[in-house]
Amino acid sequence: MGKAKKRSFQLGIYDRFSSLSREDAVKTVVKLLEENHRDADNLITLFGMSAEEILEAGASYEAVKSKEGLLK
């Protein structure tokens, strides 16, 4: 793969969230936790989310407990 194509793919990956509210971020984290995706960790630490607000948004207890070290 050439440099330009590789760069384009990377821009597509990292440009997903141009402006994101806290409520949208919590909903996205819940969805990413269900998929067991690594981007959930980044959003949790970026917004400083608590376990309580993620649980209230609908995440399972097990998924939140697995991220215990990242949550406030």
C-alpha atoms as a PDB file:
ATOM      1  CA  MET A   1       0.000   0.000   0.000  1.00  0.00           C
ATOM      2  CA  GLY A   2       1.329   3.410  -0.899  1.00  0.00           C
ATOM      3  CA  LYS A   3       1.915   6.266   1.522  1.00  0.00           C
ATOM      4  CA  ALA A   4      -1.017   8.345   0.297  1.00  0.00           C
ATOM      5  CA  LYS A   5      -3.540   5.517   0.576  1.00  0.00           C
ATOM      6  CA  LYS A   6      -2.246   4.547   4.012  1.00  0.00           C
ATOM      7  CA  ARG A   7      -2.522   8.173   5.158  1.00  0.00           C
ATOM      8  CA  SER A   8      -6.084   8.380   3.821  1.00  0.00           C
ATOM      9  CA  PHE A   9      -7.083   5.275   5.749  1.00  0.00           C
ATOM     10  CA  GLN A  10      -5.564   6.668   8.936  1.00  0.00           C
ATOM     11  CA  LEU A  11      -7.408   9.974   8.489  1.00  0.00           C
ATOM     12  CA  GLY A  12     -10.654   8.060   8.132  1.00  0.00           C
ATOM     13  CA  ILE A  13      -9.976   6.145  11.327  1.00  0.00           C
ATOM     14  CA  TYR A  14      -9.034   9.130  13.482  1.00  0.00           C
ATOM     15  CA  ASP A  15     -11.461  11.651  11.993  1.00  0.00           C
ATOM     16  CA  ARG A  16     -14.593   9.840  13.156  1.00  0.00           C
ATOM     17  CA  PHE A  17     -15.309  12.207  16.042  1.00  0.00           C
ATOM     18  CA  SER A  18     -15.009  15.801  14.872  1.00  0.00           C
ATOM     19  CA  SER A  19     -17.255  17.255  17.580  1.00  0.00           C
ATOM     20  CA  LEU A  20     -18.681  15.052  20.271  1.00  0.00           C
ATOM     21  CA  SER A  21     -20.819  16.026  23.245  1.00  0.00           C
ATOM     22  CA  ARG A  22     -20.482  14.252  26.558  1.00  0.00           C
ATOM     23  CA  GLU A  23     -23.869  12.548  26.141  1.00  0.00           C
ATOM     24  CA  ASP A  24     -22.906  11.264  22.705  1.00  0.00           C
ATOM     25  CA  ALA A  25     -19.574  10.084  24.077  1.00  0.00           C
ATOM     26  CA  VAL A  26     -21.274   8.068  26.829  1.00  0.00           C
ATOM     27  CA  LYS A  27     -23.622   6.455  24.289  1.00  0.00           C
ATOM     28  CA  THR A  28     -20.669   5.685  22.037  1.00  0.00           C
ATOM     29  CA  VAL A  29     -18.739   4.145  24.942  1.00  0.00           C
ATOM     30  CA  VAL A  30     -21.670   1.875  25.765  1.00  0.00           C
ATOM     31  CA  LYS A  31     -21.824   0.717  22.142  1.00  0.00           C
ATOM     32  CA  LEU A  32     -18.054   0.198  21.983  1.00  0.00           C
ATOM     33  CA  LEU A  33     -18.046  -1.733  25.257  1.00  0.00           C
ATOM     34  CA  GLU A  34     -20.645  -4.100  23.834  1.00  0.00           C
ATOM     35  CA  GLU A  35     -18.326  -4.704  20.878  1.00  0.00           C
ATOM     36  CA  ASN A  36     -15.273  -4.944  23.184  1.00  0.00           C
ATOM     37  CA  HIS A  37     -13.528  -2.249  21.130  1.00  0.00           C
ATOM     38  CA  ARG A  38     -10.285  -0.507  22.208  1.00  0.00           C
ATOM     39  CA  ASP A  39     -11.604   2.985  21.373  1.00  0.00           C
ATOM     40  CA  ALA A  40     -13.831   2.785  24.442  1.00  0.00           C
ATOM     41  CA  ASP A  41     -10.743   3.175  26.643  1.00  0.00           C
ATOM     42  CA  ASN A  42      -9.721   6.335  24.812  1.00  0.00           C
ATOM     43  CA  LEU A  43     -13.131   7.975  25.172  1.00  0.00           C
ATOM     44  CA  ILE A  44     -13.425   7.005  28.838  1.00  0.00           C
ATOM     45  CA  THR A  45     -10.111   8.634  29.686  1.00  0.00           C
ATOM     46  CA  LEU A  46     -10.679  11.631  27.396  1.00  0.00           C
ATOM     47  CA  PHE A  47     -13.980  12.573  29.043  1.00  0.00           C
ATOM     48  CA  GLY A  48     -13.105  11.299  32.548  1.00  0.00           C
ATOM     49  CA  MET A  49     -16.266   9.222  32.783  1.00  0.00           C
ATOM     50  CA  SER A  50     -17.496   7.558  35.924  1.00  0.00           C
ATOM     51  CA  ALA A  51     -18.791   4.020  36.223  1.00  0.00           C
ATOM     52  CA  GLU A  52     -22.166   5.301  37.370  1.00  0.00           C
ATOM     53  CA  GLU A  53     -22.870   7.365  34.257  1.00  0.00           C
ATOM     54  CA  ILE A  54     -21.867   4.508  31.939  1.00  0.00           C
ATOM     55  CA  LEU A  55     -24.076   2.078  33.854  1.00  0.00           C
ATOM     56  CA  GLU A  56     -26.990   4.535  33.705  1.00  0.00           C
ATOM     57  CA  ALA A  57     -26.539   4.757  29.937  1.00  0.00           C
ATOM     58  CA  GLY A  58     -27.117   1.012  29.625  1.00  0.00           C
ATOM     59  CA  ALA A  59     -23.754  -0.736  29.780  1.00  0.00           C
ATOM     60  CA  SER A  60     -23.551  -4.123  31.441  1.00  0.00           C
ATOM     61  CA  TYR A  61     -22.010  -4.401  34.890  1.00  0.00           C
ATOM     62  CA  GLU A  62     -19.380  -6.853  33.653  1.00  0.00           C
ATOM     63  CA  ALA A  63     -18.218  -4.506  30.873  1.00  0.00           C
ATOM     64  CA  VAL A  64     -17.905  -1.589  33.295  1.00  0.00           C
ATOM     65  CA  LYS A  65     -16.149  -3.738  35.894  1.00  0.00           C
ATOM     66  CA  SER A  66     -13.573  -4.773  33.287  1.00  0.00           C
ATOM     67  CA  LYS A  67     -12.658  -1.080  32.832  1.00  0.00           C
ATOM     68  CA  GLU A  68     -12.432  -0.404  36.568  1.00  0.00           C
ATOM     69  CA  GLY A  69      -8.896   0.974  36.400  1.00  0.00           C
ATOM     70  CA  LEU A  70      -9.873   3.647  33.866  1.00  0.00           C
ATOM     71  CA  LEU A  71     -13.032   4.896  35.580  1.00  0.00           C
ATOM     72  CA  LYS A  72     -13.304   7.453  38.332  1.00  0.00           C
END
